[in-house]
Amino acid sequence: MAAGWEDELVYFDGDEETVLEAGREIGFCSRACAWRYGIERHKAMGMSGKEIRKHLIEEHGLEPS
């Protein structure tokens, strides 16, 4: 099983920022599934394919299968 991650949630009330820590962890059946999930999640955040691959390798310790 591969470890996963869940982003914190941030919202604003005027100028006041509130950060909610993630209340759960995600587990994957394999590192390949973690990689695919990471690609989709980061793509939804507007990152380019090259940025995503670099980020997943450097920040999350994942590699493409």
PDB file of N, CA and C in Angstrom:
ATOM      1  N   MET A   1       0.845  -1.175   0.000  1.00  0.00           N
ATOM      2  CA  MET A   1       0.000   0.000   0.000  1.00  0.00           C
ATOM      3  C   MET A   1       0.894   1.244   0.000  1.00  0.00           C
ATOM      4  N   ALA A   2       0.500   2.253  -0.723  1.00  0.00           N
ATOM      5  CA  ALA A   2       1.262   3.495  -0.798  1.00  0.00           C
ATOM      6  C   ALA A   2       0.567   4.573   0.017  1.00  0.00           C
ATOM      7  N   ALA A   3       1.362   5.388   0.693  1.00  0.00           N
ATOM      8  CA  ALA A   3       0.799   6.489   1.475  1.00  0.00           C
ATOM      9  C   ALA A   3       0.208   7.534   0.549  1.00  0.00           C
ATOM     10  N   GLY A   4      -0.710   8.289   1.067  1.00  0.00           N
ATOM     11  CA  GLY A   4      -1.333   9.352   0.289  1.00  0.00           C
ATOM     12  C   GLY A   4      -1.324  10.653   1.051  1.00  0.00           C
ATOM     13  N   TRP A   5      -1.953  11.634   0.503  1.00  0.00           N
ATOM     14  CA  TRP A   5      -2.005  12.942   1.122  1.00  0.00           C
ATOM     15  C   TRP A   5      -3.335  13.579   0.791  1.00  0.00           C
ATOM     16  N   GLU A   6      -3.731  14.498   1.590  1.00  0.00           N
ATOM     17  CA  GLU A   6      -4.935  15.284   1.355  1.00  0.00           C
ATOM     18  C   GLU A   6      -4.574  16.721   1.680  1.00  0.00           C
ATOM     19  N   ASP A   7      -4.950  17.635   0.814  1.00  0.00           N
ATOM     20  CA  ASP A   7      -4.587  19.035   1.000  1.00  0.00           C
ATOM     21  C   ASP A   7      -5.361  19.662   2.146  1.00  0.00           C
ATOM     22  N   GLU A   8      -4.746  20.679   2.749  1.00  0.00           N
ATOM     23  CA  GLU A   8      -5.460  21.469   3.735  1.00  0.00           C
ATOM     24  C   GLU A   8      -6.468  22.353   3.006  1.00  0.00           C
ATOM     25  N   LEU A   9      -7.469  22.786   3.713  1.00  0.00           N
ATOM     26  CA  LEU A   9      -8.474  23.675   3.147  1.00  0.00           C
ATOM     27  C   LEU A   9      -8.233  25.072   3.683  1.00  0.00           C
ATOM     28  N   VAL A  10      -8.315  26.066   2.803  1.00  0.00           N
ATOM     29  CA  VAL A  10      -8.107  27.453   3.195  1.00  0.00           C
ATOM     30  C   VAL A  10      -9.308  28.254   2.726  1.00  0.00           C
ATOM     31  N   TYR A  11      -9.842  29.083   3.627  1.00  0.00           N
ATOM     32  CA  TYR A  11     -10.893  29.990   3.198  1.00  0.00           C
ATOM     33  C   TYR A  11     -10.686  31.344   3.852  1.00  0.00           C
ATOM     34  N   PHE A  12     -11.312  32.359   3.275  1.00  0.00           N
ATOM     35  CA  PHE A  12     -11.137  33.736   3.738  1.00  0.00           C
ATOM     36  C   PHE A  12     -12.476  34.326   4.121  1.00  0.00           C
ATOM     37  N   ASP A  13     -12.478  35.099   5.210  1.00  0.00           N
ATOM     38  CA  ASP A  13     -13.625  35.896   5.633  1.00  0.00           C
ATOM     39  C   ASP A  13     -13.098  37.324   5.671  1.00  0.00           C
ATOM     40  N   GLY A  14     -13.298  38.040   4.577  1.00  0.00           N
ATOM     41  CA  GLY A  14     -12.678  39.352   4.444  1.00  0.00           C
ATOM     42  C   GLY A  14     -11.180  39.175   4.326  1.00  0.00           C
ATOM     43  N   ASP A  15     -10.432  39.802   5.221  1.00  0.00           N
ATOM     44  CA  ASP A  15      -8.976  39.685   5.218  1.00  0.00           C
ATOM     45  C   ASP A  15      -8.480  38.560   6.118  1.00  0.00           C
ATOM     46  N   GLU A  16      -9.389  37.924   6.843  1.00  0.00           N
ATOM     47  CA  GLU A  16      -8.987  36.875   7.776  1.00  0.00           C
ATOM     48  C   GLU A  16      -8.915  35.519   7.075  1.00  0.00           C
ATOM     49  N   GLU A  17      -7.736  34.903   7.157  1.00  0.00           N
ATOM     50  CA  GLU A  17      -7.517  33.593   6.540  1.00  0.00           C
ATOM     51  C   GLU A  17      -7.672  32.495   7.593  1.00  0.00           C
ATOM     52  N   THR A  18      -8.405  31.457   7.238  1.00  0.00           N
ATOM     53  CA  THR A  18      -8.561  30.306   8.116  1.00  0.00           C
ATOM     54  C   THR A  18      -8.072  29.070   7.377  1.00  0.00           C
ATOM     55  N   VAL A  19      -7.211  28.285   8.038  1.00  0.00           N
ATOM     56  CA  VAL A  19      -6.670  27.065   7.452  1.00  0.00           C
ATOM     57  C   VAL A  19      -7.194  25.882   8.248  1.00  0.00           C
ATOM     58  N   LEU A  20      -7.831  24.945   7.554  1.00  0.00           N
ATOM     59  CA  LEU A  20      -8.312  23.721   8.172  1.00  0.00           C
ATOM     60  C   LEU A  20      -7.397  22.589   7.742  1.00  0.00           C
ATOM     61  N   GLU A  21      -6.791  21.941   8.699  1.00  0.00           N
ATOM     62  CA  GLU A  21      -5.922  20.804   8.379  1.00  0.00           C
ATOM     63  C   GLU A  21      -6.770  19.630   7.906  1.00  0.00           C
ATOM     64  N   ALA A  22      -6.219  18.849   7.013  1.00  0.00           N
ATOM     65  CA  ALA A  22      -6.935  17.672   6.508  1.00  0.00           C
ATOM     66  C   ALA A  22      -7.224  16.715   7.659  1.00  0.00           C
ATOM     67  N   GLY A  23      -8.419  16.172   7.678  1.00  0.00           N
ATOM     68  CA  GLY A  23      -8.810  15.290   8.764  1.00  0.00           C
ATOM     69  C   GLY A  23      -8.665  13.821   8.436  1.00  0.00           C
ATOM     70  N   ARG A  24      -8.046  13.509   7.302  1.00  0.00           N
ATOM     71  CA  ARG A  24      -7.904  12.108   6.912  1.00  0.00           C
ATOM     72  C   ARG A  24      -6.666  11.916   6.064  1.00  0.00           C
ATOM     73  N   GLU A  25      -6.246  10.693   5.985  1.00  0.00           N
ATOM     74  CA  GLU A  25      -5.158  10.315   5.097  1.00  0.00           C
ATOM     75  C   GLU A  25      -5.720   9.383   4.039  1.00  0.00           C
ATOM     76  N   ILE A  26      -5.069   9.352   2.910  1.00  0.00           N
ATOM     77  CA  ILE A  26      -5.503   8.490   1.821  1.00  0.00           C
ATOM     78  C   ILE A  26      -4.494   7.357   1.687  1.00  0.00           C
ATOM     79  N   GLY A  27      -4.968   6.148   1.487  1.00  0.00           N
ATOM     80  CA  GLY A  27      -4.083   5.020   1.215  1.00  0.00           C
ATOM     81  C   GLY A  27      -4.353   4.505  -0.189  1.00  0.00           C
ATOM     82  N   PHE A  28      -3.317   4.114  -0.889  1.00  0.00           N
ATOM     83  CA  PHE A  28      -3.457   3.609  -2.255  1.00  0.00           C
ATOM     84  C   PHE A  28      -3.014   2.162  -2.312  1.00  0.00           C
ATOM     85  N   CYS A  29      -3.569   1.412  -3.233  1.00  0.00           N
ATOM     86  CA  CYS A  29      -3.214   0.002  -3.381  1.00  0.00           C
ATOM     87  C   CYS A  29      -1.816  -0.163  -3.957  1.00  0.00           C
ATOM     88  N   SER A  30      -1.321   0.871  -4.642  1.00  0.00           N
ATOM     89  CA  SER A  30       0.019   0.810  -5.224  1.00  0.00           C
ATOM     90  C   SER A  30       0.537   2.227  -5.451  1.00  0.00           C
ATOM     91  N   ARG A  31       1.832   2.316  -5.700  1.00  0.00           N
ATOM     92  CA  ARG A  31       2.424   3.619  -6.005  1.00  0.00           C
ATOM     93  C   ARG A  31       1.942   4.124  -7.373  1.00  0.00           C
ATOM     94  N   ALA A  32       1.595   3.202  -8.265  1.00  0.00           N
ATOM     95  CA  ALA A  32       1.057   3.600  -9.573  1.00  0.00           C
ATOM     96  C   ALA A  32      -0.277   4.319  -9.403  1.00  0.00           C
ATOM     97  N   CYS A  33      -1.126   3.819  -8.504  1.00  0.00           N
ATOM     98  CA  CYS A  33      -2.414   4.476  -8.237  1.00  0.00           C
ATOM     99  C   CYS A  33      -2.188   5.842  -7.595  1.00  0.00           C
ATOM    100  N   ALA A  34      -1.209   5.938  -6.683  1.00  0.00           N
ATOM    101  CA  ALA A  34      -0.892   7.218  -6.057  1.00  0.00           C
ATOM    102  C   ALA A  34      -0.415   8.217  -7.111  1.00  0.00           C
ATOM    103  N   TRP A  35       0.392   7.745  -8.059  1.00  0.00           N
ATOM    104  CA  TRP A  35       0.892   8.599  -9.136  1.00  0.00           C
ATOM    105  C   TRP A  35      -0.270   9.128  -9.979  1.00  0.00           C
ATOM    106  N   ARG A  36      -1.167   8.234 -10.396  1.00  0.00           N
ATOM    107  CA  ARG A  36      -2.314   8.651 -11.230  1.00  0.00           C
ATOM    108  C   ARG A  36      -3.204   9.642 -10.486  1.00  0.00           C
ATOM    109  N   TYR A  37      -3.451   9.385  -9.195  1.00  0.00           N
ATOM    110  CA  TYR A  37      -4.255  10.301  -8.381  1.00  0.00           C
ATOM    111  C   TYR A  37      -3.573  11.674  -8.320  1.00  0.00           C
ATOM    112  N   GLY A  38      -2.263  11.673  -8.089  1.00  0.00           N
ATOM    113  CA  GLY A  38      -1.521  12.927  -8.017  1.00  0.00           C
ATOM    114  C   GLY A  38      -1.578  13.715  -9.309  1.00  0.00           C
ATOM    115  N   ILE A  39      -1.473  13.020 -10.426  1.00  0.00           N
ATOM    116  CA  ILE A  39      -1.566  13.688 -11.736  1.00  0.00           C
ATOM    117  C   ILE A  39      -2.912  14.396 -11.865  1.00  0.00           C
ATOM    118  N   GLU A  40      -3.994  13.687 -11.581  1.00  0.00           N
ATOM    119  CA  GLU A  40      -5.335  14.263 -11.734  1.00  0.00           C
ATOM    120  C   GLU A  40      -5.581  15.420 -10.769  1.00  0.00           C
ATOM    121  N   ARG A  41      -5.191  15.254  -9.494  1.00  0.00           N
ATOM    122  CA  ARG A  41      -5.409  16.310  -8.492  1.00  0.00           C
ATOM    123  C   ARG A  41      -4.632  17.580  -8.842  1.00  0.00           C
ATOM    124  N   HIS A  42      -3.379  17.434  -9.246  1.00  0.00           N
ATOM    125  CA  HIS A  42      -2.567  18.604  -9.544  1.00  0.00           C
ATOM    126  C   HIS A  42      -2.962  19.236 -10.874  1.00  0.00           C
ATOM    127  N   LYS A  43      -3.450  18.437 -11.810  1.00  0.00           N
ATOM    128  CA  LYS A  43      -3.957  18.974 -13.080  1.00  0.00           C
ATOM    129  C   LYS A  43      -5.165  19.867 -12.804  1.00  0.00           C
ATOM    130  N   ALA A  44      -6.024  19.439 -11.871  1.00  0.00           N
ATOM    131  CA  ALA A  44      -7.210  20.222 -11.508  1.00  0.00           C
ATOM    132  C   ALA A  44      -6.826  21.555 -10.862  1.00  0.00           C
ATOM    133  N   MET A  45      -5.621  21.620 -10.284  1.00  0.00           N
ATOM    134  CA  MET A  45      -5.139  22.861  -9.673  1.00  0.00           C
ATOM    135  C   MET A  45      -4.471  23.774 -10.691  1.00  0.00           C
ATOM    136  N   GLY A  46      -4.399  23.327 -11.959  1.00  0.00           N
ATOM    137  CA  GLY A  46      -3.875  24.174 -13.018  1.00  0.00           C
ATOM    138  C   GLY A  46      -2.398  24.028 -13.308  1.00  0.00           C
ATOM    139  N   MET A  47      -1.761  23.020 -12.732  1.00  0.00           N
ATOM    140  CA  MET A  47      -0.334  22.814 -13.003  1.00  0.00           C
ATOM    141  C   MET A  47      -0.151  22.157 -14.365  1.00  0.00           C
ATOM    142  N   SER A  48       0.974  22.450 -15.004  1.00  0.00           N
ATOM    143  CA  SER A  48       1.278  21.811 -16.291  1.00  0.00           C
ATOM    144  C   SER A  48       1.783  20.396 -16.032  1.00  0.00           C
ATOM    145  N   GLY A  49       1.798  19.566 -17.055  1.00  0.00           N
ATOM    146  CA  GLY A  49       2.269  18.200 -16.919  1.00  0.00           C
ATOM    147  C   GLY A  49       3.701  18.126 -16.415  1.00  0.00           C
ATOM    148  N   LYS A  50       4.563  18.990 -16.934  1.00  0.00           N
ATOM    149  CA  LYS A  50       5.962  19.003 -16.512  1.00  0.00           C
ATOM    150  C   LYS A  50       6.085  19.412 -15.045  1.00  0.00           C
ATOM    151  N   GLU A  51       5.325  20.426 -14.644  1.00  0.00           N
ATOM    152  CA  GLU A  51       5.339  20.869 -13.241  1.00  0.00           C
ATOM    153  C   GLU A  51       4.837  19.762 -12.316  1.00  0.00           C
ATOM    154  N   ILE A  52       3.790  19.079 -12.738  1.00  0.00           N
ATOM    155  CA  ILE A  52       3.210  18.006 -11.922  1.00  0.00           C
ATOM    156  C   ILE A  52       4.220  16.889 -11.716  1.00  0.00           C
ATOM    157  N   ARG A  53       4.821  16.420 -12.794  1.00  0.00           N
ATOM    158  CA  ARG A  53       5.794  15.328 -12.687  1.00  0.00           C
ATOM    159  C   ARG A  53       6.938  15.701 -11.742  1.00  0.00           C
ATOM    160  N   LYS A  54       7.484  16.906 -11.906  1.00  0.00           N
ATOM    161  CA  LYS A  54       8.575  17.349 -11.044  1.00  0.00           C
ATOM    162  C   LYS A  54       8.113  17.414  -9.589  1.00  0.00           C
ATOM    163  N   HIS A  55       6.931  17.963  -9.357  1.00  0.00           N
ATOM    164  CA  HIS A  55       6.396  18.105  -8.008  1.00  0.00           C
ATOM    165  C   HIS A  55       6.163  16.745  -7.345  1.00  0.00           C
ATOM    166  N   LEU A  56       5.560  15.811  -8.068  1.00  0.00           N
ATOM    167  CA  LEU A  56       5.277  14.494  -7.498  1.00  0.00           C
ATOM    168  C   LEU A  56       6.560  13.758  -7.126  1.00  0.00           C
ATOM    169  N   ILE A  57       7.578  13.910  -7.932  1.00  0.00           N
ATOM    170  CA  ILE A  57       8.853  13.242  -7.652  1.00  0.00           C
ATOM    171  C   ILE A  57       9.565  13.914  -6.483  1.00  0.00           C
ATOM    172  N   GLU A  58       9.675  15.246  -6.521  1.00  0.00           N
ATOM    173  CA  GLU A  58      10.455  15.953  -5.510  1.00  0.00           C
ATOM    174  C   GLU A  58       9.731  16.112  -4.183  1.00  0.00           C
ATOM    175  N   GLU A  59       8.441  16.381  -4.212  1.00  0.00           N
ATOM    176  CA  GLU A  59       7.706  16.683  -2.978  1.00  0.00           C
ATOM    177  C   GLU A  59       7.024  15.466  -2.366  1.00  0.00           C
ATOM    178  N   HIS A  60       6.586  14.527  -3.199  1.00  0.00           N
ATOM    179  CA  HIS A  60       5.830  13.390  -2.704  1.00  0.00           C
ATOM    180  C   HIS A  60       6.593  12.078  -2.781  1.00  0.00           C
ATOM    181  N   GLY A  61       7.778  12.112  -3.386  1.00  0.00           N
ATOM    182  CA  GLY A  61       8.599  10.908  -3.468  1.00  0.00           C
ATOM    183  C   GLY A  61       8.020   9.820  -4.362  1.00  0.00           C
ATOM    184  N   LEU A  62       7.203  10.222  -5.319  1.00  0.00           N
ATOM    185  CA  LEU A  62       6.607   9.270  -6.260  1.00  0.00           C
ATOM    186  C   LEU A  62       7.373   9.272  -7.567  1.00  0.00           C
ATOM    187  N   GLU A  63       7.253   8.198  -8.315  1.00  0.00           N
ATOM    188  CA  GLU A  63       7.839   8.107  -9.643  1.00  0.00           C
ATOM    189  C   GLU A  63       6.854   7.418 -10.566  1.00  0.00           C
ATOM    190  N   PRO A  64       6.868   7.788 -11.854  1.00  0.00           N
ATOM    191  CA  PRO A  64       5.956   7.125 -12.782  1.00  0.00           C
ATOM    192  C   PRO A  64       6.302   5.646 -12.899  1.00  0.00           C
ATOM    193  N   SER A  65       5.291   4.835 -13.103  1.00  0.00           N
ATOM    194  CA  SER A  65       5.546   3.386 -13.231  1.00  0.00           C
ATOM    195  C   SER A  65       5.836   3.009 -14.658  1.00  0.00           C
TER     196      SER A  65
END
